[in-house]
Amino acid sequence: MADSSSSLVIISDRIIFNENYFTQFESFAPEDTKLLFTALFLNLIDNLMSDSSTSDLIIYSDENDSNSIKRALQQFQTEKIELFSYKNEPDLRSFSNRTNLYKHKILIYADVMGVSQSSINEILKLLSTDENTIVIGTSKNSSICLVGFNHQTDDLLNAIQYSKRDYSKLLSLLKTEEYFIHTLSGFVRVKDISSFKELYDDLSHKKSIEYCSQEMHEKFTHLFVEYKDLLK
């Protein structure tokens, strides 16, 4: 790959397919935990694999999910996707050689809703400058949903990793780095019942069709009906 000047990296920092290893989500049954996070993951890939995309797509996931992800990717143009795995937890510095050939990089976490091709284009436009620039996408509760940058350093990758997806902590870790920082809000990171309610609210708006297909809406609707008591 690396024919493109930009790469989109989906980071799955939890096991989402392999029921023998994954962590159950709140009071969800195992099969519904799997449905929730695989739907988020596959919906994201579907959005990023649009015909208008000129970026290379890389997936970085737990090795215990690798075989399942390979099977799931068969529905997409797999020649446009590279899959790499980690053991125990993502290590962005060891992964850096996969992305250092690209001028623009966007790291997107797999448990996120709201990333459309138009939002990717907006981020790439912000990164198309000679200045060292970072774009941080956040959720309502200040969780990091994505990070885009045009100047890759070990310190930056360490800051992203050690922030544990906390926006304020990432900003404090970036103090030693000279970057123009842009923040985009409005994404949803599903990590607890409160954010599951946010997902429900987000998908109830017509605008969500831009980043969640009708097929995927139906998968989430099944969960909203099954766990309607949690949405009160």
Foldseek 3Di string as FASTA:
>chain_A
DLPFQEEEEEEEFFAQADLVDGDAADPDDSVLSNLLLVLLQVLQVVQCQDPPHPHAYEYEEAPSCVVVVVVVCVVDPCVRYHYHYDHPGDDCVVCVVVPPSHQKYKYFYSQKADDHPVVVVVVVVVQPDPFWAKEFEAEPVQFTGMIMTRDDDPQLSVLVVVCNRHRVSSVVSCPVPDYHYHYHYDMQGDRHLVSLLVVVVVVVDPVSCRRAPPVSSVSSVVVCVVPVVSND
